[in-house]
């Protein structure tokens, strides 16, 4: 009985002092385990006189129960402390900036085409598209280009299938065939822009590529004049290059427009005073344009006496090179990330 009383007196302080679960488990084995005073006392109950057994047994049960409660209470505290330490070690500061994966971007040509298209859709134009493998009739004949025109030679055009001149299949040399295709299928008025790839038998040099992007524009309605063409292109130049840009239209020739012109824009880099970008002229050539030839209207069944219109075509690479100071068209197609990431 003295040993049990002494055990109950000394144990609470030892239990409270256990620093961790491992130490507590060792102390539990010592206090109530197989080799403890409680276990040895229980084994010795049979050797006691009959009248002492109930008293010692009751005291033994009481001491063991109190020790178990103290051990469980300490175990709960230590488990909570252990969990807190684990949470602290695994703590993540959610206010810290995370690791950002690299984000892709649109190619500079895609950016340029999208911006050009946005300018014209803002004016009410629709976006149209057509096949890259085209009939010679749409690529040439419907656009008032005669069979003897030098652009129809194999030195300029990439043919896919030969046959009768108008039935030959080729890789379109411009996006202008969509003028005829769209007007065939739609009644006037017509206001469209046509972005897309075009193909020519050109050798690669700083300003030419056998594959390039072109944006065609077409407006057909009653009473459209050359002044409407100039005003539309002036608006485009100001939106694309800046509000102070001026344009000039110089006489030129295209089979499907009459009169035809080349559009130049005042150099955005030097304000027209002359620099490397504009080769000292103060002007930059951007596109061809003109009033739709009546023969084109006749080819698609439009009344050229009642309708008039204008068309223009520009190269996306040309515009991107001028705007960003890129000196070789190959940079658009080599996919060198050192070049492309400059246009995020």
C-alpha atoms as a PDB file:
ATOM      1  CA  UNK A   1       0.000   0.000   0.000  1.00  0.00           C
ATOM      2  CA  UNK A   2       2.906   2.378   0.778  1.00  0.00           C
ATOM      3  CA  UNK A   3       4.413   1.676  -2.630  1.00  0.00           C
ATOM      4  CA  UNK A   4       1.104   2.480  -4.349  1.00  0.00           C
ATOM      5  CA  UNK A   5       0.718   5.708  -2.324  1.00  0.00           C
ATOM      6  CA  UNK A   6       4.268   6.752  -3.148  1.00  0.00           C
ATOM      7  CA  UNK A   7       3.666   5.934  -6.857  1.00  0.00           C
ATOM      8  CA  UNK A   8       0.531   8.074  -6.937  1.00  0.00           C
ATOM      9  CA  UNK A   9       2.349  10.949  -5.197  1.00  0.00           C
ATOM     10  CA  UNK A  10       5.404  11.030  -7.480  1.00  0.00           C
ATOM     11  CA  UNK A  11       3.833  10.185 -10.868  1.00  0.00           C
ATOM     12  CA  UNK A  12       1.825  13.361 -11.689  1.00  0.00           C
ATOM     13  CA  UNK A  13       4.940  15.544 -11.740  1.00  0.00           C
ATOM     14  CA  UNK A  14       6.820  13.023 -13.900  1.00  0.00           C
ATOM     15  CA  UNK A  15       3.908  12.716 -16.318  1.00  0.00           C
ATOM     16  CA  UNK A  16       3.584  16.512 -16.666  1.00  0.00           C
ATOM     17  CA  UNK A  17       7.332  16.713 -17.330  1.00  0.00           C
ATOM     18  CA  UNK A  18       7.281  14.250 -20.283  1.00  0.00           C
ATOM     19  CA  UNK A  19       8.604  16.346 -23.219  1.00  0.00           C
ATOM     20  CA  UNK A  20       7.187  14.315 -26.088  1.00  0.00           C
ATOM     21  CA  UNK A  21       5.093  11.281 -26.996  1.00  0.00           C
ATOM     22  CA  UNK A  22       8.085   8.971 -27.105  1.00  0.00           C
ATOM     23  CA  UNK A  23       9.103   9.889 -23.520  1.00  0.00           C
ATOM     24  CA  UNK A  24       5.503   9.562 -22.382  1.00  0.00           C
ATOM     25  CA  UNK A  25       5.238   6.065 -23.868  1.00  0.00           C
ATOM     26  CA  UNK A  26       8.391   5.036 -22.008  1.00  0.00           C
ATOM     27  CA  UNK A  27       7.040   6.480 -18.733  1.00  0.00           C
ATOM     28  CA  UNK A  28       3.671   4.742 -19.251  1.00  0.00           C
ATOM     29  CA  UNK A  29       5.445   1.415 -19.588  1.00  0.00           C
ATOM     30  CA  UNK A  30       7.292   2.104 -16.353  1.00  0.00           C
ATOM     31  CA  UNK A  31       4.193   3.190 -14.386  1.00  0.00           C
ATOM     32  CA  UNK A  32       1.497   0.786 -15.573  1.00  0.00           C
ATOM     33  CA  UNK A  33       3.288  -1.669 -17.839  1.00  0.00           C
ATOM     34  CA  UNK A  34       4.155  -5.345 -17.310  1.00  0.00           C
ATOM     35  CA  UNK A  35       7.168  -4.527 -15.178  1.00  0.00           C
ATOM     36  CA  UNK A  36       5.579  -1.762 -13.123  1.00  0.00           C
ATOM     37  CA  UNK A  37       4.754  -1.712  -9.399  1.00  0.00           C
ATOM     38  CA  UNK A  38       1.071  -1.976 -10.322  1.00  0.00           C
ATOM     39  CA  UNK A  39       1.663  -5.150 -12.346  1.00  0.00           C
ATOM     40  CA  UNK A  40       3.798  -6.770  -9.621  1.00  0.00           C
ATOM     41  CA  UNK A  41       1.259  -5.863  -6.957  1.00  0.00           C
ATOM     42  CA  UNK A  42      -1.553  -7.417  -8.975  1.00  0.00           C
ATOM     43  CA  UNK A  43       0.453 -10.604  -9.356  1.00  0.00           C
ATOM     44  CA  UNK A  44       1.002 -10.707  -5.582  1.00  0.00           C
ATOM     45  CA  UNK A  45      -2.651 -10.336  -4.604  1.00  0.00           C
ATOM     46  CA  UNK A  46      -3.024 -14.099  -4.306  1.00  0.00           C
ATOM     47  CA  UNK A  47      -0.342 -14.245  -1.606  1.00  0.00           C
ATOM     48  CA  UNK A  48      -2.108 -11.787   0.680  1.00  0.00           C
ATOM     49  CA  UNK A  49      -4.399 -12.848   3.494  1.00  0.00           C
ATOM     50  CA  UNK A  50      -8.017 -13.250   2.390  1.00  0.00           C
ATOM     51  CA  UNK A  51      -9.263 -10.253   4.325  1.00  0.00           C
ATOM     52  CA  UNK A  52      -6.573  -7.844   2.828  1.00  0.00           C
ATOM     53  CA  UNK A  53      -7.141  -8.705  -0.798  1.00  0.00           C
ATOM     54  CA  UNK A  54     -10.268  -6.523  -1.354  1.00  0.00           C
ATOM     55  CA  UNK A  55      -8.635  -3.462   0.239  1.00  0.00           C
ATOM     56  CA  UNK A  56      -5.390  -3.737  -1.711  1.00  0.00           C
ATOM     57  CA  UNK A  57      -7.242  -4.609  -4.925  1.00  0.00           C
ATOM     58  CA  UNK A  58      -9.507  -1.548  -4.618  1.00  0.00           C
ATOM     59  CA  UNK A  59      -6.521   0.710  -3.945  1.00  0.00           C
ATOM     60  CA  UNK A  60      -4.649  -0.853  -6.873  1.00  0.00           C
ATOM     61  CA  UNK A  61      -7.600  -0.193  -9.206  1.00  0.00           C
ATOM     62  CA  UNK A  62      -7.908   3.396  -7.978  1.00  0.00           C
ATOM     63  CA  UNK A  63      -4.202   4.191  -8.454  1.00  0.00           C
ATOM     64  CA  UNK A  64      -4.076   2.606 -11.916  1.00  0.00           C
ATOM     65  CA  UNK A  65      -7.199   4.526 -13.006  1.00  0.00           C
ATOM     66  CA  UNK A  66      -5.840   7.855 -11.854  1.00  0.00           C
ATOM     67  CA  UNK A  67      -2.488   7.243 -13.531  1.00  0.00           C
ATOM     68  CA  UNK A  68      -4.221   6.277 -16.797  1.00  0.00           C
ATOM     69  CA  UNK A  69      -6.226   9.511 -16.754  1.00  0.00           C
ATOM     70  CA  UNK A  70      -3.081  11.565 -16.123  1.00  0.00           C
ATOM     71  CA  UNK A  71      -1.285   9.747 -18.961  1.00  0.00           C
ATOM     72  CA  UNK A  72      -4.187  10.250 -21.398  1.00  0.00           C
ATOM     73  CA  UNK A  73      -4.455  13.929 -20.514  1.00  0.00           C
ATOM     74  CA  UNK A  74      -0.720  14.452 -21.099  1.00  0.00           C
ATOM     75  CA  UNK A  75      -0.897  12.439 -24.328  1.00  0.00           C
ATOM     76  CA  UNK A  76      -3.640  14.730 -25.660  1.00  0.00           C
ATOM     77  CA  UNK A  77      -1.512  17.792 -24.897  1.00  0.00           C
ATOM     78  CA  UNK A  78       1.603  16.319 -26.514  1.00  0.00           C
ATOM     79  CA  UNK A  79      -0.286  15.203 -29.633  1.00  0.00           C
ATOM     80  CA  UNK A  80      -1.659  18.702 -30.082  1.00  0.00           C
ATOM     81  CA  UNK A  81       1.823  20.182 -29.658  1.00  0.00           C
ATOM     82  CA  UNK A  82       3.251  17.706 -32.176  1.00  0.00           C
ATOM     83  CA  UNK A  83       0.518  18.596 -34.672  1.00  0.00           C
ATOM     84  CA  UNK A  84       1.189  22.303 -34.175  1.00  0.00           C
ATOM     85  CA  UNK A  85       4.912  21.781 -34.820  1.00  0.00           C
ATOM     86  CA  UNK A  86       4.138  19.801 -37.990  1.00  0.00           C
ATOM     87  CA  UNK A  87       1.769  22.493 -39.234  1.00  0.00           C
ATOM     88  CA  UNK A  88       4.357  25.144 -38.522  1.00  0.00           C
ATOM     89  CA  UNK A  89       6.978  23.246 -40.493  1.00  0.00           C
ATOM     90  CA  UNK A  90       4.569  22.834 -43.423  1.00  0.00           C
ATOM     91  CA  UNK A  91       3.246  26.379 -43.254  1.00  0.00           C
ATOM     92  CA  UNK A  92       2.903  28.150 -46.597  1.00  0.00           C
ATOM     93  CA  UNK A  93       2.736  31.906 -46.820  1.00  0.00           C
ATOM     94  CA  UNK A  94      -0.104  32.341 -49.286  1.00  0.00           C
ATOM     95  CA  UNK A  95       0.745  36.039 -49.655  1.00  0.00           C
ATOM     96  CA  UNK A  96       4.054  35.211 -51.347  1.00  0.00           C
ATOM     97  CA  UNK A  97       4.143  35.397 -55.132  1.00  0.00           C
ATOM     98  CA  UNK A  98       4.033  31.941 -56.706  1.00  0.00           C
ATOM     99  CA  UNK A  99       6.269  30.538 -59.398  1.00  0.00           C
ATOM    100  CA  UNK A 100       4.833  31.721 -62.699  1.00  0.00           C
ATOM    101  CA  UNK A 101       5.072  29.319 -65.615  1.00  0.00           C
ATOM    102  CA  UNK A 102       6.230  30.824 -68.896  1.00  0.00           C
ATOM    103  CA  UNK A 103       3.303  32.202 -70.851  1.00  0.00           C
ATOM    104  CA  UNK A 104       3.123  31.998 -74.631  1.00  0.00           C
ATOM    105  CA  UNK A 105       2.243  34.888 -76.873  1.00  0.00           C
ATOM    106  CA  UNK A 106       0.838  35.609 -80.279  1.00  0.00           C
ATOM    107  CA  UNK A 107       3.372  35.704 -83.091  1.00  0.00           C
ATOM    108  CA  UNK A 108       4.247  39.239 -84.204  1.00  0.00           C
ATOM    109  CA  UNK A 109       2.620  38.547 -87.591  1.00  0.00           C
ATOM    110  CA  UNK A 110      -0.568  37.373 -85.899  1.00  0.00           C
ATOM    111  CA  UNK A 111      -0.529  40.520 -83.768  1.00  0.00           C
ATOM    112  CA  UNK A 112      -0.089  42.673 -86.865  1.00  0.00           C
ATOM    113  CA  UNK A 113      -2.856  40.952 -88.844  1.00  0.00           C
ATOM    114  CA  UNK A 114      -5.253  41.094 -85.893  1.00  0.00           C
ATOM    115  CA  UNK A 115      -4.607  44.788 -85.365  1.00  0.00           C
ATOM    116  CA  UNK A 116      -5.161  45.607 -89.042  1.00  0.00           C
ATOM    117  CA  UNK A 117      -8.368  43.579 -89.129  1.00  0.00           C
ATOM    118  CA  UNK A 118      -9.595  45.265 -85.921  1.00  0.00           C
ATOM    119  CA  UNK A 119      -9.146  48.700 -87.490  1.00  0.00           C
ATOM    120  CA  UNK A 120     -11.349  47.814 -90.448  1.00  0.00           C
ATOM    121  CA  UNK A 121     -13.951  45.860 -88.506  1.00  0.00           C
ATOM    122  CA  UNK A 122     -14.250  48.997 -86.403  1.00  0.00           C
ATOM    123  CA  UNK A 123     -15.391  50.712 -89.610  1.00  0.00           C
ATOM    124  CA  UNK A 124     -18.032  48.058 -90.221  1.00  0.00           C
ATOM    125  CA  UNK A 125     -16.080  45.723 -92.498  1.00  0.00           C
ATOM    126  CA  UNK A 126     -16.636  41.967 -92.319  1.00  0.00           C
ATOM    127  CA  UNK A 127     -13.855  39.375 -92.293  1.00  0.00           C
ATOM    128  CA  UNK A 128     -13.879  36.865 -95.157  1.00  0.00           C
ATOM    129  CA  UNK A 129     -11.627  33.952 -96.018  1.00  0.00           C
ATOM    130  CA  UNK A 130     -11.122  31.641 -98.958  1.00  0.00           C
ATOM    131  CA  UNK A 131      -9.062  28.704-100.240  1.00  0.00           C
ATOM    132  CA  UNK A 132      -5.287  28.891-100.552  1.00  0.00           C
ATOM    133  CA  UNK A 133      -5.386  26.512-103.532  1.00  0.00           C
ATOM    134  CA  UNK A 134      -7.281  28.546-106.084  1.00  0.00           C
ATOM    135  CA  UNK A 135      -8.653  28.367-109.609  1.00  0.00           C
ATOM    136  CA  UNK A 136      -6.846  30.529-112.135  1.00  0.00           C
ATOM    137  CA  UNK A 137     -10.233  31.992-113.075  1.00  0.00           C
ATOM    138  CA  UNK A 138     -10.627  33.608-109.631  1.00  0.00           C
ATOM    139  CA  UNK A 139      -6.932  34.426-109.237  1.00  0.00           C
ATOM    140  CA  UNK A 140      -6.564  36.034-112.676  1.00  0.00           C
ATOM    141  CA  UNK A 141      -9.473  36.017-115.160  1.00  0.00           C
ATOM    142  CA  UNK A 142     -12.181  37.384-112.855  1.00  0.00           C
ATOM    143  CA  UNK A 143      -9.727  40.092-111.811  1.00  0.00           C
ATOM    144  CA  UNK A 144      -9.261  41.349-115.375  1.00  0.00           C
ATOM    145  CA  UNK A 145      -5.839  39.719-115.776  1.00  0.00           C
ATOM    146  CA  UNK A 146      -5.436  38.473-119.381  1.00  0.00           C
ATOM    147  CA  UNK A 147      -3.817  35.121-120.281  1.00  0.00           C
ATOM    148  CA  UNK A 148      -0.783  36.957-121.646  1.00  0.00           C
ATOM    149  CA  UNK A 149      -0.055  38.809-118.412  1.00  0.00           C
ATOM    150  CA  UNK A 150       3.488  38.029-117.118  1.00  0.00           C
ATOM    151  CA  UNK A 151       2.200  37.303-113.594  1.00  0.00           C
ATOM    152  CA  UNK A 152       0.661  34.084-114.975  1.00  0.00           C
ATOM    153  CA  UNK A 153       4.051  32.656-115.916  1.00  0.00           C
ATOM    154  CA  UNK A 154       5.597  29.852-113.861  1.00  0.00           C
ATOM    155  CA  UNK A 155       8.374  32.235-112.934  1.00  0.00           C
ATOM    156  CA  UNK A 156       5.838  34.095-110.773  1.00  0.00           C
ATOM    157  CA  UNK A 157       3.033  31.634-109.956  1.00  0.00           C
ATOM    158  CA  UNK A 158       3.150  28.193-108.318  1.00  0.00           C
ATOM    159  CA  UNK A 159       0.806  25.893-110.256  1.00  0.00           C
ATOM    160  CA  UNK A 160      -0.704  22.747-108.737  1.00  0.00           C
ATOM    161  CA  UNK A 161      -2.569  21.322-111.749  1.00  0.00           C
ATOM    162  CA  UNK A 162      -2.500  22.370-115.385  1.00  0.00           C
ATOM    163  CA  UNK A 163      -5.427  22.469-117.780  1.00  0.00           C
ATOM    164  CA  UNK A 164      -7.342  25.120-119.632  1.00  0.00           C
ATOM    165  CA  UNK A 165      -6.026  28.570-118.600  1.00  0.00           C
ATOM    166  CA  UNK A 166      -9.081  29.423-116.507  1.00  0.00           C
ATOM    167  CA  UNK A 167      -9.351  25.926-114.954  1.00  0.00           C
ATOM    168  CA  UNK A 168      -5.757  25.618-113.799  1.00  0.00           C
ATOM    169  CA  UNK A 169      -5.178  25.111-110.067  1.00  0.00           C
ATOM    170  CA  UNK A 170      -2.551  27.199-108.331  1.00  0.00           C
ATOM    171  CA  UNK A 171      -1.448  28.506-104.974  1.00  0.00           C
ATOM    172  CA  UNK A 172      -3.089  31.902-104.807  1.00  0.00           C
ATOM    173  CA  UNK A 173      -0.694  34.764-105.465  1.00  0.00           C
ATOM    174  CA  UNK A 174      -2.796  37.257-103.490  1.00  0.00           C
ATOM    175  CA  UNK A 175      -5.974  37.352-101.417  1.00  0.00           C
ATOM    176  CA  UNK A 176      -7.735  39.317-104.192  1.00  0.00           C
ATOM    177  CA  UNK A 177      -9.569  36.215-105.552  1.00  0.00           C
ATOM    178  CA  UNK A 178     -11.940  36.660-102.627  1.00  0.00           C
ATOM    179  CA  UNK A 179     -13.191  39.839-104.319  1.00  0.00           C
ATOM    180  CA  UNK A 180     -14.787  37.725-107.049  1.00  0.00           C
ATOM    181  CA  UNK A 181     -15.757  34.832-104.778  1.00  0.00           C
ATOM    182  CA  UNK A 182     -17.495  37.064-102.245  1.00  0.00           C
ATOM    183  CA  UNK A 183     -19.314  39.208-104.794  1.00  0.00           C
ATOM    184  CA  UNK A 184     -20.536  36.065-106.597  1.00  0.00           C
ATOM    185  CA  UNK A 185     -22.244  34.875-103.413  1.00  0.00           C
ATOM    186  CA  UNK A 186     -23.376  38.164-101.851  1.00  0.00           C
ATOM    187  CA  UNK A 187     -25.469  41.082-102.986  1.00  0.00           C
ATOM    188  CA  UNK A 188     -24.111  44.612-102.565  1.00  0.00           C
ATOM    189  CA  UNK A 189     -23.212  46.549-100.527  1.00  0.00           C
ATOM    190  CA  UNK A 190     -19.909  44.767 -99.776  1.00  0.00           C
ATOM    191  CA  UNK A 191     -17.363  45.799 -97.159  1.00  0.00           C
ATOM    192  CA  UNK A 192     -14.835  43.059 -96.397  1.00  0.00           C
ATOM    193  CA  UNK A 193     -11.224  42.481 -95.354  1.00  0.00           C
ATOM    194  CA  UNK A 194      -9.530  39.214 -96.258  1.00  0.00           C
ATOM    195  CA  UNK A 195      -6.431  38.193 -94.276  1.00  0.00           C
ATOM    196  CA  UNK A 196      -4.548  35.093 -95.371  1.00  0.00           C
ATOM    197  CA  UNK A 197      -1.414  33.409 -96.694  1.00  0.00           C
ATOM    198  CA  UNK A 198      -0.331  33.885-100.285  1.00  0.00           C
ATOM    199  CA  UNK A 199       2.353  32.209-102.397  1.00  0.00           C
ATOM    200  CA  UNK A 200       4.686  33.318-105.156  1.00  0.00           C
ATOM    201  CA  UNK A 201       7.755  31.885-106.876  1.00  0.00           C
ATOM    202  CA  UNK A 202      10.032  34.420-105.197  1.00  0.00           C
ATOM    203  CA  UNK A 203      13.541  33.798-103.929  1.00  0.00           C
ATOM    204  CA  UNK A 204      14.074  34.610-100.263  1.00  0.00           C
ATOM    205  CA  UNK A 205      15.713  37.980 -99.711  1.00  0.00           C
ATOM    206  CA  UNK A 206      15.386  40.662 -97.015  1.00  0.00           C
ATOM    207  CA  UNK A 207      11.977  41.839 -98.302  1.00  0.00           C
ATOM    208  CA  UNK A 208      10.583  38.837-100.239  1.00  0.00           C
ATOM    209  CA  UNK A 209       9.444  35.351 -99.302  1.00  0.00           C
ATOM    210  CA  UNK A 210       7.691  32.611-101.297  1.00  0.00           C
ATOM    211  CA  UNK A 211       5.043  32.576 -98.545  1.00  0.00           C
ATOM    212  CA  UNK A 212       3.695  35.767 -97.015  1.00  0.00           C
ATOM    213  CA  UNK A 213       0.547  37.219 -95.444  1.00  0.00           C
ATOM    214  CA  UNK A 214      -1.667  39.697 -97.233  1.00  0.00           C
ATOM    215  CA  UNK A 215      -4.749  41.622 -96.146  1.00  0.00           C
ATOM    216  CA  UNK A 216      -7.166  42.450 -98.939  1.00  0.00           C
ATOM    217  CA  UNK A 217      -9.873  45.078 -98.610  1.00  0.00           C
ATOM    218  CA  UNK A 218     -12.958  45.620-100.762  1.00  0.00           C
ATOM    219  CA  UNK A 219     -15.762  48.156-100.569  1.00  0.00           C
ATOM    220  CA  UNK A 220     -18.616  48.123-103.111  1.00  0.00           C
ATOM    221  CA  UNK A 221     -21.682  50.328-102.893  1.00  0.00           C
ATOM    222  CA  UNK A 222     -23.459  53.115-104.726  1.00  0.00           C
ATOM    223  CA  UNK A 223     -21.607  56.411-105.172  1.00  0.00           C
ATOM    224  CA  UNK A 224     -18.250  55.278-103.744  1.00  0.00           C
ATOM    225  CA  UNK A 225     -15.485  57.615-104.921  1.00  0.00           C
ATOM    226  CA  UNK A 226     -11.713  57.790-104.908  1.00  0.00           C
ATOM    227  CA  UNK A 227     -12.077  60.248-102.033  1.00  0.00           C
ATOM    228  CA  UNK A 228     -13.673  57.474 -99.949  1.00  0.00           C
ATOM    229  CA  UNK A 229     -10.653  55.278-100.680  1.00  0.00           C
ATOM    230  CA  UNK A 230      -8.210  57.988 -99.630  1.00  0.00           C
ATOM    231  CA  UNK A 231     -10.154  58.801 -96.474  1.00  0.00           C
ATOM    232  CA  UNK A 232     -10.366  55.130 -95.468  1.00  0.00           C
ATOM    233  CA  UNK A 233      -6.648  54.541 -95.951  1.00  0.00           C
ATOM    234  CA  UNK A 234      -5.758  57.782 -94.160  1.00  0.00           C
ATOM    235  CA  UNK A 235      -7.805  56.600 -91.187  1.00  0.00           C
ATOM    236  CA  UNK A 236      -5.995  53.248 -91.258  1.00  0.00           C
ATOM    237  CA  UNK A 237      -2.565  54.921 -91.362  1.00  0.00           C
ATOM    238  CA  UNK A 238      -3.396  57.120 -88.373  1.00  0.00           C
ATOM    239  CA  UNK A 239      -4.753  54.188 -86.363  1.00  0.00           C
ATOM    240  CA  UNK A 240      -1.807  51.905 -87.155  1.00  0.00           C
ATOM    241  CA  UNK A 241       1.156  54.335 -87.111  1.00  0.00           C
ATOM    242  CA  UNK A 242      -0.075  57.314 -85.133  1.00  0.00           C
ATOM    243  CA  UNK A 243      -2.484  60.236 -85.222  1.00  0.00           C
ATOM    244  CA  UNK A 244      -0.138  62.605 -87.101  1.00  0.00           C
ATOM    245  CA  UNK A 245       0.539  60.401 -90.119  1.00  0.00           C
ATOM    246  CA  UNK A 246      -0.153  61.666 -93.624  1.00  0.00           C
ATOM    247  CA  UNK A 247      -0.628  59.636 -96.782  1.00  0.00           C
ATOM    248  CA  UNK A 248      -0.028  60.205-100.463  1.00  0.00           C
ATOM    249  CA  UNK A 249      -1.298  58.233-103.442  1.00  0.00           C
ATOM    250  CA  UNK A 250       0.934  57.907-106.491  1.00  0.00           C
ATOM    251  CA  UNK A 251      -0.345  56.642-109.871  1.00  0.00           C
ATOM    252  CA  UNK A 252       0.304  52.976-110.546  1.00  0.00           C
ATOM    253  CA  UNK A 253      -1.177  50.052-112.489  1.00  0.00           C
ATOM    254  CA  UNK A 254      -3.052  46.951-111.349  1.00  0.00           C
ATOM    255  CA  UNK A 255      -5.236  44.916-113.741  1.00  0.00           C
ATOM    256  CA  UNK A 256      -8.260  44.849-111.457  1.00  0.00           C
ATOM    257  CA  UNK A 257      -8.382  48.519-110.413  1.00  0.00           C
ATOM    258  CA  UNK A 258      -8.720  51.685-112.511  1.00  0.00           C
ATOM    259  CA  UNK A 259      -7.457  54.178-111.583  1.00  0.00           C
ATOM    260  CA  UNK A 260      -4.775  52.472-109.488  1.00  0.00           C
ATOM    261  CA  UNK A 261      -2.337  53.896-106.968  1.00  0.00           C
ATOM    262  CA  UNK A 262       0.430  53.114-104.531  1.00  0.00           C
ATOM    263  CA  UNK A 263      -0.151  54.414-101.041  1.00  0.00           C
ATOM    264  CA  UNK A 264       2.739  55.942 -99.125  1.00  0.00           C
ATOM    265  CA  UNK A 265       2.616  57.031 -95.491  1.00  0.00           C
ATOM    266  CA  UNK A 266       4.750  59.742 -93.925  1.00  0.00           C
ATOM    267  CA  UNK A 267       7.613  58.161 -91.995  1.00  0.00           C
ATOM    268  CA  UNK A 268       6.587  57.635 -88.396  1.00  0.00           C
ATOM    269  CA  UNK A 269      10.242  57.442 -87.306  1.00  0.00           C
ATOM    270  CA  UNK A 270      11.353  60.870 -88.539  1.00  0.00           C
ATOM    271  CA  UNK A 271       8.060  62.722 -89.127  1.00  0.00           C
ATOM    272  CA  UNK A 272       8.901  63.018 -92.815  1.00  0.00           C
ATOM    273  CA  UNK A 273      12.321  64.652 -92.459  1.00  0.00           C
ATOM    274  CA  UNK A 274      14.211  61.620 -93.801  1.00  0.00           C
ATOM    275  CA  UNK A 275      15.912  58.760 -91.981  1.00  0.00           C
ATOM    276  CA  UNK A 276      17.175  55.184 -92.370  1.00  0.00           C
ATOM    277  CA  UNK A 277      13.685  53.731 -92.029  1.00  0.00           C
ATOM    278  CA  UNK A 278      12.347  55.666 -95.026  1.00  0.00           C
ATOM    279  CA  UNK A 279      15.678  55.698 -96.939  1.00  0.00           C
ATOM    280  CA  UNK A 280      15.805  59.466 -96.595  1.00  0.00           C
ATOM    281  CA  UNK A 281      12.620  60.133 -98.571  1.00  0.00           C
ATOM    282  CA  UNK A 282      10.314  60.911 -95.657  1.00  0.00           C
ATOM    283  CA  UNK A 283       7.738  58.458 -97.068  1.00  0.00           C
ATOM    284  CA  UNK A 284       7.181  54.698 -96.742  1.00  0.00           C
ATOM    285  CA  UNK A 285       5.438  52.622 -99.412  1.00  0.00           C
ATOM    286  CA  UNK A 286       2.731  50.490 -97.814  1.00  0.00           C
ATOM    287  CA  UNK A 287       0.198  49.075-100.276  1.00  0.00           C
ATOM    288  CA  UNK A 288      -1.486  49.086-103.640  1.00  0.00           C
ATOM    289  CA  UNK A 289      -5.043  50.301-104.105  1.00  0.00           C
ATOM    290  CA  UNK A 290      -7.526  51.700-106.584  1.00  0.00           C
ATOM    291  CA  UNK A 291     -11.090  51.817-107.807  1.00  0.00           C
ATOM    292  CA  UNK A 292     -12.554  48.443-108.830  1.00  0.00           C
ATOM    293  CA  UNK A 293     -12.359  47.980-112.606  1.00  0.00           C
ATOM    294  CA  UNK A 294     -15.814  47.655-114.263  1.00  0.00           C
ATOM    295  CA  UNK A 295     -14.656  44.400-115.890  1.00  0.00           C
ATOM    296  CA  UNK A 296     -14.420  42.847-112.408  1.00  0.00           C
ATOM    297  CA  UNK A 297     -18.041  43.801-111.736  1.00  0.00           C
ATOM    298  CA  UNK A 298     -19.070  42.298-115.074  1.00  0.00           C
ATOM    299  CA  UNK A 299     -17.286  39.006-114.237  1.00  0.00           C
ATOM    300  CA  UNK A 300     -19.360  38.532-111.065  1.00  0.00           C
ATOM    301  CA  UNK A 301     -22.678  39.868-112.372  1.00  0.00           C
ATOM    302  CA  UNK A 302     -22.661  43.288-110.681  1.00  0.00           C
ATOM    303  CA  UNK A 303     -24.047  46.328-112.500  1.00  0.00           C
ATOM    304  CA  UNK A 304     -21.018  48.578-113.038  1.00  0.00           C
ATOM    305  CA  UNK A 305     -23.310  51.413-114.139  1.00  0.00           C
ATOM    306  CA  UNK A 306     -24.980  51.486-110.748  1.00  0.00           C
ATOM    307  CA  UNK A 307     -22.169  50.384-108.424  1.00  0.00           C
ATOM    308  CA  UNK A 308     -18.641  51.533-107.729  1.00  0.00           C
ATOM    309  CA  UNK A 309     -16.031  50.436-105.267  1.00  0.00           C
ATOM    310  CA  UNK A 310     -12.423  50.416-104.191  1.00  0.00           C
ATOM    311  CA  UNK A 311      -9.919  47.712-103.259  1.00  0.00           C
ATOM    312  CA  UNK A 312      -6.568  47.642-101.502  1.00  0.00           C
ATOM    313  CA  UNK A 313      -4.000  45.039-100.537  1.00  0.00           C
ATOM    314  CA  UNK A 314      -1.175  45.177 -98.026  1.00  0.00           C
ATOM    315  CA  UNK A 315       1.498  42.767 -96.808  1.00  0.00           C
ATOM    316  CA  UNK A 316       1.508  42.039 -93.082  1.00  0.00           C
ATOM    317  CA  UNK A 317       5.257  41.366 -93.080  1.00  0.00           C
ATOM    318  CA  UNK A 318       5.903  44.699 -94.762  1.00  0.00           C
ATOM    319  CA  UNK A 319       3.899  46.601 -92.168  1.00  0.00           C
ATOM    320  CA  UNK A 320       5.482  44.716 -89.268  1.00  0.00           C
ATOM    321  CA  UNK A 321       8.999  45.311 -90.652  1.00  0.00           C
ATOM    322  CA  UNK A 322       8.352  49.025 -91.058  1.00  0.00           C
ATOM    323  CA  UNK A 323       6.777  49.459 -87.636  1.00  0.00           C
ATOM    324  CA  UNK A 324       9.317  47.423 -85.653  1.00  0.00           C
ATOM    325  CA  UNK A 325      12.468  48.122 -87.668  1.00  0.00           C
ATOM    326  CA  UNK A 326      12.979  44.468 -88.673  1.00  0.00           C
ATOM    327  CA  UNK A 327      15.564  44.222 -91.436  1.00  0.00           C
ATOM    328  CA  UNK A 328      14.904  40.743 -92.833  1.00  0.00           C
ATOM    329  CA  UNK A 329      11.665  38.903 -93.503  1.00  0.00           C
ATOM    330  CA  UNK A 330      13.237  35.587 -92.451  1.00  0.00           C
ATOM    331  CA  UNK A 331      12.999  36.611 -88.779  1.00  0.00           C
ATOM    332  CA  UNK A 332       9.231  36.036 -88.947  1.00  0.00           C
ATOM    333  CA  UNK A 333       9.644  32.395 -89.940  1.00  0.00           C
ATOM    334  CA  UNK A 334      12.754  31.125 -88.148  1.00  0.00           C
ATOM    335  CA  UNK A 335      10.848  30.959 -84.825  1.00  0.00           C
ATOM    336  CA  UNK A 336      13.852  32.140 -82.851  1.00  0.00           C
ATOM    337  CA  UNK A 337      12.448  32.852 -79.383  1.00  0.00           C
ATOM    338  CA  UNK A 338      15.074  35.563 -78.865  1.00  0.00           C
ATOM    339  CA  UNK A 339      13.330  37.494 -81.613  1.00  0.00           C
ATOM    340  CA  UNK A 340       9.739  36.522 -80.866  1.00  0.00           C
ATOM    341  CA  UNK A 341       9.807  37.335 -77.149  1.00  0.00           C
ATOM    342  CA  UNK A 342      10.575  40.962 -78.006  1.00  0.00           C
ATOM    343  CA  UNK A 343       6.971  41.322 -79.180  1.00  0.00           C
ATOM    344  CA  UNK A 344       5.097  40.224 -76.046  1.00  0.00           C
END
